Protein backbone atom coordinates (compact mmCIF):
# COMPACT_ATOMS: atom_id res chain seq x y z
CA UNK A 1 -0.18 -0.07 -0.03
CA UNK A 2 0.97 3.53 -0.54
CA UNK A 3 1.17 5.81 2.24
CA UNK A 4 -0.87 9.04 2.00
CA UNK A 5 0.87 12.53 1.72
CA UNK A 6 -1.06 14.64 3.85
CA UNK A 7 -0.61 17.17 6.53
CA UNK A 8 -1.72 14.10 9.01
CA UNK A 9 1.29 11.42 9.24
CA UNK A 10 -0.01 8.07 9.54
CA UNK A 11 2.71 5.58 10.72
CA UNK A 12 1.22 2.59 11.96
CA UNK A 13 -2.13 2.62 9.55
CA UNK A 14 -2.63 3.98 6.07
CA UNK A 15 -5.53 6.70 6.08
CA UNK A 16 -8.24 6.14 4.34
CA UNK A 17 -11.53 8.51 3.96
CA UNK A 18 -12.81 10.49 6.68
CA UNK A 19 -15.78 11.70 5.03
CA UNK A 20 -18.24 14.08 7.39
CA UNK A 21 -21.81 14.80 7.40
CA UNK A 22 -24.07 17.45 7.81
CA UNK A 23 -23.79 19.68 11.15
CA UNK A 24 -27.19 19.77 11.60
CA UNK A 25 -29.00 17.39 14.29
CA UNK A 26 -31.52 15.60 12.97
CA UNK A 27 -33.35 12.79 14.54
CA UNK A 28 -34.56 9.43 12.25
CA UNK A 29 -36.34 6.06 12.28
CA UNK A 30 -33.48 3.84 13.89
CA UNK A 31 -32.63 0.35 12.56
CA UNK A 32 -35.95 -2.31 13.30
CA UNK A 33 -35.35 -4.74 16.53
CA UNK A 34 -37.11 -8.17 17.18
CA UNK A 35 -37.09 -11.42 16.06
CA UNK A 36 -37.73 -13.89 13.33
CA UNK A 37 -38.31 -17.69 12.73
CA UNK A 38 -36.40 -18.21 9.63
CA UNK A 39 -32.79 -18.97 10.96
CA UNK A 40 -33.92 -21.81 13.31
CA UNK A 41 -37.02 -22.80 11.79
CA UNK A 42 -37.30 -22.17 8.13
CA UNK A 43 -40.62 -23.03 6.97
CA UNK A 44 -41.65 -25.48 10.26
CA UNK A 45 -43.15 -22.72 12.04
CA UNK A 46 -46.59 -22.96 13.74
CA UNK A 47 -49.12 -20.95 16.13
CA UNK A 48 -47.99 -21.98 19.45
CA UNK A 49 -43.76 -21.61 18.50
CA UNK A 50 -44.35 -18.25 17.33
CA UNK A 51 -46.60 -17.39 21.00
CA UNK A 52 -43.51 -18.68 22.78
CA UNK A 53 -41.29 -16.86 21.12
CA UNK A 54 -43.02 -13.66 21.48
CA UNK A 55 -43.86 -14.53 25.33
CA UNK A 56 -39.75 -15.26 25.78
CA UNK A 57 -39.17 -11.68 24.39
CA UNK A 58 -40.84 -10.41 27.22
CA UNK A 59 -39.84 -12.64 29.83
CA UNK A 60 -35.88 -12.64 29.00
CA UNK A 61 -36.30 -8.97 29.25
CA UNK A 62 -35.37 -7.98 25.52
CA UNK A 63 -38.50 -5.73 25.03
CA UNK A 64 -37.34 -3.78 28.19
CA UNK A 65 -33.73 -3.68 25.96
CA UNK A 66 -35.81 -2.57 22.61
CA UNK A 67 -36.40 -5.34 20.89
CA UNK A 68 -39.71 -5.01 19.57
CA UNK A 69 -40.56 -7.08 16.63
CA UNK A 70 -41.58 -10.64 16.31
CA UNK A 71 -41.28 -11.75 12.38
CA UNK A 72 -43.08 -14.60 10.75
CA UNK A 73 -41.07 -15.93 7.93
CA UNK A 74 -42.26 -18.20 5.32
CA UNK A 75 -44.14 -21.13 6.40
CA UNK A 76 -47.63 -19.87 7.29
CA UNK A 77 -49.15 -20.25 3.82
CA UNK A 78 -51.79 -22.43 2.95
CA UNK A 79 -53.38 -22.18 -0.45
CA UNK A 80 -55.10 -19.44 -2.60
CA UNK A 81 -59.06 -20.04 -3.18
CA UNK A 82 -61.08 -19.47 -6.52
CA UNK A 83 -61.23 -16.13 -5.74
CA UNK A 84 -57.27 -15.41 -5.34
CA UNK A 85 -57.72 -14.71 -1.69
CA UNK A 86 -54.60 -16.19 0.63
CA UNK A 87 -55.51 -19.24 3.12
CA UNK A 88 -52.90 -19.90 6.39
CA UNK A 89 -51.64 -23.61 6.27
CA UNK A 90 -54.42 -25.72 7.81
CA UNK A 91 -52.32 -27.34 10.28
CA UNK A 92 -49.69 -24.81 11.56
CA UNK A 93 -52.00 -21.79 11.40
CA UNK A 94 -55.54 -23.13 12.08
CA UNK A 95 -56.50 -20.19 13.76
CA UNK A 96 -55.00 -17.85 10.96
CA UNK A 97 -52.64 -14.99 11.48
CA UNK A 98 -55.30 -12.31 12.66
CA UNK A 99 -55.62 -13.69 15.79
CA UNK A 100 -51.43 -14.32 16.44
CA UNK A 101 -50.90 -10.45 15.12
CA UNK A 102 -53.76 -9.41 17.95
CA UNK A 103 -51.07 -11.45 20.49
CA UNK A 104 -47.97 -10.12 19.78
CA UNK A 105 -49.61 -6.67 19.91
CA UNK A 106 -51.30 -7.84 23.03
CA UNK A 107 -47.43 -8.04 24.69
CA UNK A 108 -46.68 -4.39 23.52
CA UNK A 109 -44.68 -5.97 20.54
CA UNK A 110 -44.84 -5.21 16.80
CA UNK A 111 -45.79 -7.99 14.00
CA UNK A 112 -43.95 -9.14 11.13
CA UNK A 113 -44.71 -11.08 8.06
CA UNK A 114 -43.39 -12.28 5.33
CA UNK A 115 -44.02 -12.86 1.22
CA UNK A 116 -42.30 -13.39 -2.18
CA UNK A 117 -41.79 -10.60 -5.04
CA UNK A 118 -43.11 -13.76 -7.34
CA UNK A 119 -46.01 -16.46 -7.26
CA UNK A 120 -43.74 -19.17 -5.70
CA UNK A 121 -41.76 -18.66 -2.19
CA UNK A 122 -38.30 -19.39 -1.55
CA UNK A 123 -39.58 -22.25 0.87
CA UNK A 124 -40.96 -24.01 -2.05
CA UNK A 125 -37.84 -23.47 -3.70
CA UNK A 126 -34.99 -24.45 -1.65
CA UNK A 127 -37.69 -26.39 1.46
CA UNK A 128 -40.14 -28.46 -0.91
CA UNK A 129 -42.75 -26.80 0.70
CA UNK A 130 -45.69 -27.20 -1.46
CA UNK A 131 -48.11 -25.09 0.37
CA UNK A 132 -45.47 -22.08 -0.99
CA UNK A 133 -46.41 -22.31 -4.68
CA UNK A 134 -48.63 -19.84 -6.22
CA UNK A 135 -49.05 -17.84 -2.71
CA UNK A 136 -46.88 -14.85 -3.74
CA UNK A 137 -47.36 -11.29 -4.51
CA UNK A 138 -47.26 -11.65 -8.18
CA UNK A 139 -50.65 -10.86 -9.79
CA UNK A 140 -52.08 -10.34 -6.05
CA UNK A 141 -50.33 -6.73 -4.68
CA UNK A 142 -53.36 -5.01 -3.64
CA UNK A 143 -55.26 -7.72 -2.29
CA UNK A 144 -52.21 -9.30 0.05
CA UNK A 145 -51.40 -5.75 1.17
CA UNK A 146 -54.98 -5.18 2.12
CA UNK A 147 -54.93 -8.39 3.96
CA UNK A 148 -51.62 -8.18 5.76
CA UNK A 149 -51.52 -5.08 6.79
CA UNK A 150 -55.45 -3.82 7.15
CA UNK A 151 -57.64 -7.20 8.16
CA UNK A 152 -54.46 -9.06 9.83
CA UNK A 153 -52.86 -5.74 10.89
CA UNK A 154 -49.10 -6.24 10.72
CA UNK A 155 -46.62 -3.73 10.84
CA UNK A 156 -43.96 -5.10 8.80
CA UNK A 157 -43.32 -7.01 5.56
CA UNK A 158 -40.01 -9.00 4.64
CA UNK A 159 -40.28 -9.31 -0.10
CA UNK A 160 -37.99 -12.47 -0.94
CA UNK A 161 -37.38 -12.54 -4.57
CA UNK A 162 -36.93 -16.51 -5.40
CA UNK A 163 -39.66 -17.27 -7.48
CA UNK A 164 -39.46 -13.83 -8.88
CA UNK A 165 -36.07 -14.02 -9.73
CA UNK A 166 -34.52 -17.51 -9.80
CA UNK A 167 -37.94 -18.70 -11.76
CA UNK A 168 -39.27 -15.59 -13.57
CA UNK A 169 -36.18 -13.54 -14.03
CA UNK A 170 -38.26 -10.07 -13.69
CA UNK A 171 -37.05 -6.71 -13.31
CA UNK A 172 -36.70 -5.78 -9.73
CA UNK A 173 -37.16 -2.41 -9.81
CA UNK A 174 -40.22 -2.71 -11.44
CA UNK A 175 -41.75 -5.37 -9.38
CA UNK A 176 -40.63 -4.18 -6.02
CA UNK A 177 -41.83 -0.39 -7.32
CA UNK A 178 -45.39 -2.28 -8.00
CA UNK A 179 -46.06 -4.33 -4.83
CA UNK A 180 -44.83 -0.89 -2.46
CA UNK A 181 -47.51 1.04 -4.39
CA UNK A 182 -50.16 -1.25 -3.81
CA UNK A 183 -48.92 -1.11 -0.09
CA UNK A 184 -49.04 2.36 0.13
CA UNK A 185 -52.22 2.58 -1.40
CA UNK A 186 -54.33 0.08 0.47
CA UNK A 187 -52.87 1.42 3.97
CA UNK A 188 -51.99 4.70 5.71
CA UNK A 189 -49.68 3.42 8.25
CA UNK A 190 -46.19 3.45 7.87
CA UNK A 191 -45.95 0.21 7.56
CA UNK A 192 -41.67 -1.19 7.53
CA UNK A 193 -40.53 -2.61 4.42
CA UNK A 194 -37.34 -4.99 3.81
CA UNK A 195 -36.35 -5.81 0.27
CA UNK A 196 -34.42 -9.24 0.35
CA UNK A 197 -32.54 -9.50 -3.44
CA UNK A 198 -29.66 -10.98 -1.53
CA UNK A 199 -27.24 -8.02 -2.86
CA UNK A 200 -27.61 -4.23 -2.75
CA UNK A 201 -30.47 -3.98 -5.22
CA UNK A 202 -29.55 -0.54 -6.75
CA UNK A 203 -29.86 2.89 -5.61
CA UNK A 204 -33.46 3.33 -6.79
CA UNK A 205 -34.60 1.12 -3.46
CA UNK A 206 -34.28 4.06 -1.01
CA UNK A 207 -37.20 4.94 -2.53
CA UNK A 208 -39.24 1.90 -1.58
CA UNK A 209 -37.67 0.43 1.96
CA UNK A 210 -36.69 1.18 4.96
CA UNK A 211 -34.15 -1.51 4.63
CA UNK A 212 -32.77 -3.99 1.95
CA UNK A 213 -30.17 -6.65 2.00
CA UNK A 214 -27.08 -6.51 0.64
CA UNK A 215 -25.96 -10.35 1.05
CA UNK A 216 -26.90 -14.18 0.62
CA UNK A 217 -28.29 -15.52 3.24
CA UNK A 218 -26.00 -15.84 7.03
CA UNK A 219 -25.29 -18.97 8.17
CA UNK A 220 -24.39 -19.42 11.90
CA UNK A 221 -20.13 -19.23 11.37
CA UNK A 222 -17.81 -17.21 10.97
CA UNK A 223 -17.09 -17.39 7.22
CA UNK A 224 -20.27 -16.25 7.18
CA UNK A 225 -20.11 -12.78 8.97
CA UNK A 226 -16.99 -12.06 7.76
CA UNK A 227 -18.46 -12.18 4.16
CA UNK A 228 -21.12 -10.15 5.15
CA UNK A 229 -19.03 -7.47 7.22
CA UNK A 230 -17.11 -7.04 4.06
CA UNK A 231 -20.09 -6.78 1.65
CA UNK A 232 -21.28 -3.92 3.92
CA UNK A 233 -17.96 -1.92 3.87
CA UNK A 234 -18.16 0.34 1.37
CA UNK A 235 -21.69 0.72 1.46
CA UNK A 236 -22.38 3.46 3.74
CA UNK A 237 -23.02 6.28 1.35
CA UNK A 238 -26.36 4.37 0.40
CA UNK A 239 -27.63 4.17 3.78
CA UNK A 240 -29.15 7.15 6.05
CA UNK A 241 -32.10 9.33 6.54
CA UNK A 242 -33.77 6.57 8.42
CA UNK A 243 -32.86 3.63 5.46
CA UNK A 244 -29.98 1.08 6.08
CA UNK A 245 -28.55 -1.92 4.21
CA UNK A 246 -29.69 -4.96 6.06
CA UNK A 247 -26.64 -7.29 7.09
CA UNK A 248 -29.37 -10.21 7.68
CA UNK A 249 -30.68 -11.64 10.70
CA UNK A 250 -28.49 -12.50 13.64
CA UNK A 251 -26.90 -15.59 14.48
CA UNK A 252 -26.19 -14.79 18.13
CA UNK A 253 -26.94 -18.22 20.34
CA UNK A 254 -26.22 -20.36 17.50
CA UNK A 255 -22.46 -21.96 18.36
CA UNK A 256 -20.51 -19.44 17.31
CA UNK A 257 -17.29 -18.68 20.12
CA UNK A 258 -17.71 -15.52 22.27
CA UNK A 259 -15.30 -13.48 20.19
CA UNK A 260 -17.09 -13.97 17.24
CA UNK A 261 -20.71 -13.33 18.70
CA UNK A 262 -19.52 -9.95 19.70
CA UNK A 263 -17.77 -9.31 16.74
CA UNK A 264 -20.91 -10.23 14.61
CA UNK A 265 -23.43 -8.26 16.97
CA UNK A 266 -20.95 -4.95 17.34
CA UNK A 267 -20.39 -4.68 14.17
CA UNK A 268 -23.78 -4.95 13.13
CA UNK A 269 -24.59 -2.17 15.64
CA UNK A 270 -22.08 -0.11 14.30
CA UNK A 271 -22.99 -0.38 10.90
CA UNK A 272 -26.27 0.07 11.72
CA UNK A 273 -28.38 -3.45 10.05
CA UNK A 274 -31.65 -4.17 11.54
CA UNK A 275 -31.21 -6.70 14.83
CA UNK A 276 -33.37 -9.08 14.22
CA UNK A 277 -32.46 -12.12 16.43
CA UNK A 278 -33.02 -15.66 14.72
CA UNK A 279 -32.36 -18.10 17.82
CA UNK A 280 -34.76 -20.11 19.93
CA UNK A 281 -35.22 -17.63 22.55
CA UNK A 282 -36.61 -20.08 24.97
CA UNK A 283 -33.12 -21.51 25.26
CA UNK A 284 -30.52 -18.93 24.24
CA UNK A 285 -27.66 -19.16 26.11
CA UNK A 286 -27.39 -16.71 29.25
CA UNK A 287 -23.87 -15.04 27.73
CA UNK A 288 -25.27 -14.30 24.58
CA UNK A 289 -28.81 -13.34 25.75
CA UNK A 290 -26.54 -11.00 28.00
CA UNK A 291 -24.75 -9.34 24.79
CA UNK A 292 -27.89 -9.16 22.74
CA UNK A 293 -29.13 -6.66 26.00
CA UNK A 294 -25.69 -4.90 25.99
CA UNK A 295 -27.40 -1.48 26.14
CA UNK A 296 -23.93 0.41 24.65
CA UNK A 297 -23.98 -1.37 21.78
CA UNK A 298 -27.68 -1.44 21.29
CA UNK A 299 -27.67 2.79 21.66
CA UNK A 300 -24.66 2.84 19.05
CA UNK A 301 -27.30 0.98 16.64
CA UNK A 302 -29.98 3.26 17.63
CA UNK A 303 -28.44 6.48 17.71
CA UNK A 304 -30.84 9.50 16.62
CA UNK A 305 -28.80 10.20 13.55
CA UNK A 306 -28.98 6.14 12.22
CA UNK A 307 -25.41 6.54 10.68
CA UNK A 308 -23.55 3.84 8.93
CA UNK A 309 -19.89 3.71 9.88
CA UNK A 310 -17.11 3.45 7.46
CA UNK A 311 -13.42 2.44 7.03
CA UNK A 312 -10.78 5.43 7.58
CA UNK A 313 -7.50 3.31 7.93
CA UNK A 314 -6.26 -0.23 7.76
CA UNK A 315 -3.95 -1.54 10.10
CA UNK A 316 -2.29 -4.92 8.88
CA UNK A 317 -5.03 -7.09 8.41
CA UNK A 318 -7.41 -5.05 10.19
CA UNK A 319 -9.92 -2.13 9.58
CA UNK A 320 -10.30 1.37 11.48
CA UNK A 321 -14.74 1.92 10.96
CA UNK A 322 -15.82 5.72 12.60
CA UNK A 323 -18.88 6.66 12.66
CA UNK A 324 -20.30 10.40 14.40
CA UNK A 325 -22.96 9.85 17.30
CA UNK A 326 -25.52 12.10 19.22
CA UNK A 327 -24.53 15.53 16.84
CA UNK A 328 -22.96 15.47 13.25
CA UNK A 329 -19.71 16.68 13.41
CA UNK A 330 -19.35 16.59 16.79
CA UNK A 331 -16.82 15.83 19.50
CA UNK A 332 -18.10 12.32 20.25
CA UNK A 333 -17.71 9.52 17.49
CA UNK A 334 -17.88 5.78 17.60
CA UNK A 335 -14.71 3.26 16.54
CA UNK A 336 -14.57 -0.07 15.70
CA UNK A 337 -10.92 -2.43 15.45
CA UNK A 338 -12.04 -4.99 13.33
CA UNK A 339 -9.61 -8.08 13.15
CA UNK A 340 -11.11 -10.45 10.56
CA UNK A 341 -8.08 -12.65 10.32
CA UNK A 342 -6.45 -15.31 12.13
CA UNK A 343 -3.83 -14.20 13.75
CA UNK A 344 -3.80 -11.25 16.55
CA UNK A 345 -3.60 -7.64 14.95
CA UNK A 346 -2.01 -4.46 16.32
CA UNK A 347 -3.82 -1.43 15.81
CA UNK A 348 -2.48 1.71 16.42
CA UNK A 349 -4.44 4.67 15.12
CA UNK A 350 -3.72 8.23 15.04
CA UNK A 351 -6.73 10.50 16.57
CA UNK A 352 -6.03 12.61 13.61
CA UNK A 353 -7.61 10.08 11.04
CA UNK A 354 -10.45 9.86 13.69
CA UNK A 355 -10.88 13.90 12.89
CA UNK A 356 -10.46 14.18 16.59
CA UNK A 357 -7.67 15.96 18.58
CA UNK A 358 -6.33 16.77 22.37
CA UNK A 359 -7.11 14.88 25.49
CA UNK A 360 -9.91 12.06 24.24
CA UNK A 361 -11.83 10.02 26.38
CA UNK A 362 -12.02 6.19 25.66
CA UNK A 363 -14.79 3.72 26.44
CA UNK A 364 -14.94 -0.08 25.68
CA UNK A 365 -18.63 -0.55 24.60
CA UNK A 366 -18.19 -4.55 24.74
CA UNK A 367 -17.11 -4.56 28.14
CA UNK A 368 -18.91 -1.29 29.19
CA UNK A 369 -16.27 0.29 30.60
CA UNK A 370 -13.76 3.35 30.77
CA UNK A 371 -9.78 2.56 29.08
CA UNK A 372 -7.51 5.44 29.82
CA UNK A 373 -7.59 8.65 28.03
CA UNK A 374 -5.61 9.36 24.75
CA UNK A 375 -3.85 12.36 23.59
CA UNK A 376 -2.14 11.26 20.13
CA UNK A 377 -3.06 7.25 19.41
CA UNK A 378 -5.65 4.74 19.95
CA UNK A 379 -3.24 1.67 20.80
CA UNK A 380 -5.19 -2.22 20.85
CA UNK A 381 -4.16 -5.58 20.35
CA UNK A 382 -7.45 -7.50 18.87
CA UNK A 383 -7.89 -11.13 19.01
CA UNK A 384 -8.41 -13.25 16.05
CA UNK A 385 -11.85 -12.70 14.67
CA UNK A 386 -12.60 -10.02 17.11
CA UNK A 387 -12.95 -6.47 17.71
CA UNK A 388 -12.96 -3.59 20.16
CA UNK A 389 -15.53 -1.31 19.83
CA UNK A 390 -14.82 2.22 21.61
CA UNK A 391 -16.81 5.41 21.64
CA UNK A 392 -14.45 8.67 21.98
CA UNK A 393 -14.84 12.46 23.04
CA UNK A 394 -12.32 14.38 22.07
CA UNK A 395 -11.45 17.87 22.84
CA UNK A 396 -11.56 19.33 19.43
CA UNK A 397 -12.88 18.32 15.64
CA UNK A 398 -11.17 18.33 12.94
CA UNK A 399 -11.70 19.68 9.40
CA UNK A 400 -10.96 16.33 7.15
CA UNK A 401 -8.60 16.47 3.69
CA UNK A 402 -8.80 12.90 2.28
CA UNK A 403 -11.71 11.40 0.27
CA UNK A 404 -11.45 7.97 -1.08
CA UNK A 405 -12.96 6.82 -3.71
CA UNK A 406 -14.59 3.93 -2.36
CA UNK A 407 -16.60 6.36 -0.17
CA UNK A 408 -18.72 7.83 -2.54
CA UNK A 409 -22.00 7.31 -3.68
CA UNK A 410 -21.78 5.50 -6.88
CA UNK A 411 -24.91 6.16 -8.89
CA UNK A 412 -25.31 3.26 -11.05
CA UNK A 413 -23.49 0.83 -8.46
CA UNK A 414 -24.65 -2.37 -10.16
CA UNK A 415 -24.37 -4.97 -7.15
CA UNK A 416 -26.33 -7.27 -9.55
CA UNK A 417 -23.91 -7.45 -11.87
CA UNK A 418 -26.57 -6.52 -14.83
CA UNK A 419 -24.36 -4.17 -17.00
CA UNK A 420 -21.34 -5.80 -18.11
CA UNK A 421 -19.11 -2.88 -17.39
CA UNK A 422 -20.75 -1.49 -14.24
CA UNK A 423 -19.51 1.33 -12.06
CA UNK A 424 -17.78 -0.68 -8.87
CA UNK A 425 -15.18 -0.06 -5.62
CA UNK A 426 -12.35 -2.93 -5.95
CA UNK A 427 -8.98 -4.07 -4.50
CA UNK A 428 -6.11 -2.02 -6.01
CA UNK A 429 -2.76 -2.84 -4.36
CA UNK A 430 -0.98 0.38 -4.93
CA UNK A 431 -4.37 2.24 -3.70
CA UNK A 432 -3.86 4.21 -0.29
CA UNK A 433 -7.04 2.13 1.52
CA UNK A 434 -6.42 -0.88 -0.92
CA UNK A 435 -9.34 0.36 -3.10
CA UNK A 436 -10.46 2.17 -5.85
CA UNK A 437 -13.39 3.10 -7.63
CA UNK A 438 -13.50 1.57 -11.82
CA UNK A 439 -15.44 2.08 -14.67
CA UNK A 440 -16.43 5.74 -13.96
CA UNK A 441 -18.21 7.65 -16.88
CA UNK A 442 -19.63 6.10 -20.35
CA UNK A 443 -22.54 8.53 -19.95
CA UNK A 444 -23.97 11.51 -17.59
CA UNK A 445 -25.48 9.55 -14.35
CA UNK A 446 -22.56 7.18 -14.38
CA UNK A 447 -20.42 9.49 -11.90
CA UNK A 448 -19.28 9.24 -8.17
CA UNK A 449 -20.11 11.27 -5.85
CA UNK A 450 -18.83 12.54 -2.56
CA UNK A 451 -22.05 14.55 -0.89
CA UNK A 452 -20.45 16.04 1.88
CA UNK A 453 -16.73 17.29 1.88
CA UNK A 454 -16.58 20.22 4.83
CA UNK A 455 -14.41 23.10 5.06
CA UNK A 456 -14.14 24.98 8.04
CA UNK A 457 -13.85 28.02 6.44
CA UNK A 458 -14.83 27.89 2.84
CA UNK A 459 -11.99 29.21 0.25
CA UNK A 460 -9.58 28.39 -2.12
CA UNK A 461 -8.30 25.00 -1.84
CA UNK A 462 -5.91 22.75 -3.84
CA UNK A 463 -7.46 19.78 -4.55
CA UNK A 464 -4.99 16.73 -5.72
CA UNK A 465 -6.76 13.52 -7.58
CA UNK A 466 -4.90 10.45 -7.28
CA UNK A 467 -5.82 8.08 -10.47
CA UNK A 468 -5.36 4.62 -12.08
CA UNK A 469 -3.00 5.23 -14.67
CA UNK A 470 -4.35 3.82 -18.24
CA UNK A 471 -2.96 0.52 -19.03
CA UNK A 472 -3.36 0.23 -23.02
CA UNK A 473 -4.15 -2.76 -24.26
CA UNK A 474 -6.21 -4.55 -26.63
CA UNK A 475 -8.53 -1.86 -28.37
CA UNK A 476 -8.85 0.42 -25.29
CA UNK A 477 -8.17 4.11 -26.24
CA UNK A 478 -6.73 6.04 -24.00
CA UNK A 479 -9.03 8.70 -24.37
CA UNK A 480 -10.36 8.96 -20.91
CA UNK A 481 -11.85 12.65 -19.60
CA UNK A 482 -12.85 13.31 -15.61
CA UNK A 483 -14.62 15.94 -15.15
CA UNK A 484 -14.92 17.33 -11.41
CA UNK A 485 -18.01 19.53 -10.43
CA UNK A 486 -17.65 21.34 -7.26
CA UNK A 487 -21.28 22.60 -6.43
CA UNK A 488 -21.57 22.99 -9.80
CA UNK A 489 -18.72 24.50 -11.23
CA UNK A 490 -17.03 21.91 -13.55
CA UNK A 491 -13.08 21.54 -13.93
CA UNK A 492 -12.49 19.07 -17.28
CA UNK A 493 -9.26 17.53 -16.74
CA UNK A 494 -7.78 14.45 -20.10
CA UNK A 495 -4.60 13.56 -21.40
CA UNK A 496 -4.15 11.12 -18.64
CA UNK A 497 -1.13 9.29 -18.73
CA UNK A 498 -0.37 5.22 -19.17
CA UNK A 499 1.39 3.38 -16.51
CA UNK A 500 2.54 -0.04 -14.93
CA UNK A 501 -0.40 -1.92 -12.73
CA UNK A 502 -0.09 -1.08 -9.20
CA UNK A 503 1.20 2.44 -9.44
CA UNK A 504 -0.87 5.75 -9.07
CA UNK A 505 -0.61 9.53 -10.61
CA UNK A 506 -1.91 12.29 -9.80
CA UNK A 507 -3.06 15.94 -10.98
CA UNK A 508 -3.84 18.99 -9.15
CA UNK A 509 -6.19 21.81 -9.57
CA UNK A 510 -7.62 24.80 -7.60
CA UNK A 511 -10.97 24.98 -6.42
CA UNK A 512 -13.45 27.03 -4.14
CA UNK A 513 -15.24 25.73 -1.08
CA UNK A 514 -18.04 27.12 0.69
CA UNK A 515 -17.83 27.16 4.50
CA UNK A 516 -19.81 23.85 5.51
CA UNK A 517 -20.83 21.51 3.43
CA UNK A 518 -20.09 20.66 -0.46
CA UNK A 519 -20.69 18.48 -3.39
CA UNK A 520 -18.10 16.98 -5.48
CA UNK A 521 -18.80 14.80 -8.11
CA UNK A 522 -16.64 12.92 -10.59
CA UNK A 523 -17.37 11.03 -14.15
CA UNK A 524 -17.23 11.82 -17.57
CA UNK A 525 -20.26 12.19 -20.25
CA UNK A 526 -18.70 11.17 -23.22
CA UNK A 527 -15.95 8.70 -22.19
CA UNK A 528 -14.88 6.45 -19.49
CA UNK A 529 -12.70 8.62 -16.57
CA UNK A 530 -9.38 6.81 -14.74
CA UNK A 531 -10.11 4.48 -12.31
CA UNK A 532 -10.07 6.72 -9.07
CA UNK A 533 -7.85 5.98 -5.63
CA UNK A 534 -8.48 9.31 -3.61
CA UNK A 535 -8.53 13.28 -3.53
CA UNK A 536 -6.93 15.44 -0.87
CA UNK A 537 -8.01 19.17 -0.20
CA UNK A 538 -5.34 21.23 1.25
CA UNK A 539 -6.19 25.23 2.05
CA UNK A 540 -4.54 27.30 -0.12
CA UNK A 541 -2.09 30.07 1.97
CA UNK A 542 -3.23 33.69 1.63
């Protein structure tokens, strides 16, 4: 990796982005918390089982800790009659779902339900549940929405995509838009919608759902947890304002080691994922229950800002995540020192990388204890598969200078790989944070955008853009341009150099920033742009 040249010297760690957010305090809907039936029971659910789990939510103290949703996943379906009316499974739920929804509500909890965007549910395809055939939302959007939310009284819905995607190959945006429009047309309540497409669906999803899945289904093992964290590392720009990247249900209490469970829960909390417990609440181990009720980690997840943590540094195989708490651009920040490797990772993180300075208070949120205050660096050794989750309170908040490409909002980001040459954040050995953004440009909507570039006082800044040199091979033509828009004012760069793989080159321009928050966009309307590593801003001397 290449050390970033900036006014803040990085020693043990390599600086990555310190992109900030709006200065105004704004309260948003926080990620949902609760329990879901799928992880442990799949389609093998029934009325009595759901009631016992709801009772356990109360008796274990989870309700008092903030867990409020009891979600019935796949497995309740029976059949559709000649009028298309959906009926529940006659043996599993002989009294229907209205009674059980009422029971959940009587406990002071909220009730969630499941359906499928196509005709056939995931249970019908993967669990041979014949009752899941023909019971999906496809063609019955309004009718089922009226049944679920008006007649049965549910508050949440998870909408899967097995029948729609694996069988019918329908268009995700069209299907989910049709379904959500139907829900909104039949119910004036604030129904929490979760879109389950097993990848980041696309930037359109924010207008439709409170949360959306970003990965395949979780399993109760470390490799699965590590994979999902890696999928969500560079998606923070797509979350916020009450909308969240869903890392799937929690596997706490289902056999992982203590360190792995702490990492699992801690990273779900700092990355603001929904917290839906997936184990049997009537037999959960006490240590796992205690972790799920950790009030300081829960407060991190339920913080009023609703922000997802993002990466600011790499330390060997480890990652340093950070996000604001309580007030945007305030002096209180949450930090995760995450070690996915099989060896101990030694972290040494300068406070300047975290945009803090002066005597800084340190609180260990997993162990709920104060650490010694620091003035220069955070230093901790983190065990394999482990994490250190910290709350920092500094004396001063610093202006950021480094903005990594992988922290940008990618307007045409295509995790579903529908485009042959889609814009993507990808590893690159010579990049400052080990990542670049590739395939920007080619049309006006295919851009990278940093929406909250902060300046204390405004004025002229030297902007250094670091890019990957063009590797000319085959029919690739070096006609690349980079259109840089700063608050709508555009500068166009061309004649980018060719070079060897693994190197990073730079270009400098002067830009005017407003005091406070600025929007910087990079792309090219008519050609491809070079792959971007980062840009660095330094105030010009008067």
